[in-house]
């Protein structure tokens, strides 16, 4: 069986500086630069994909005007859910703002906690 490869690249919100409405989602340009540095630092610590062994990368994505982050495999395209940051609303449970730093860390933790499929099969 042959699978289609996706060849996904890292994207650390490179297009934001040219879009004032997207920059507003970060609050300030300083927050954007901190988010990029944090994404680069944590991306180096991501374990390989549990399905194909490909490299995991962090991608910056948008949900309307709110920035978010997800971890994705560069080979097969599997990934985590999208973790959103919002300067416009509060988390209903914690009553605090969802920061981009929290979104990055949640994506890293979610990607890192998965057990490679070969190990799960061996345990059974």
Foldseek 3Di string as FASTA:
>chain_A
DDADWDQDDAALPPPQVVPVLLCVLQVHVVSSVVSSVLQVVLQVVFFAALEPRARKHKYWDDDPNWIWIKIAGRTRTDTDDTQTFGPPDADPPPRHGRHRSNRSVVRRVVRRVDHRPVVVVVVD
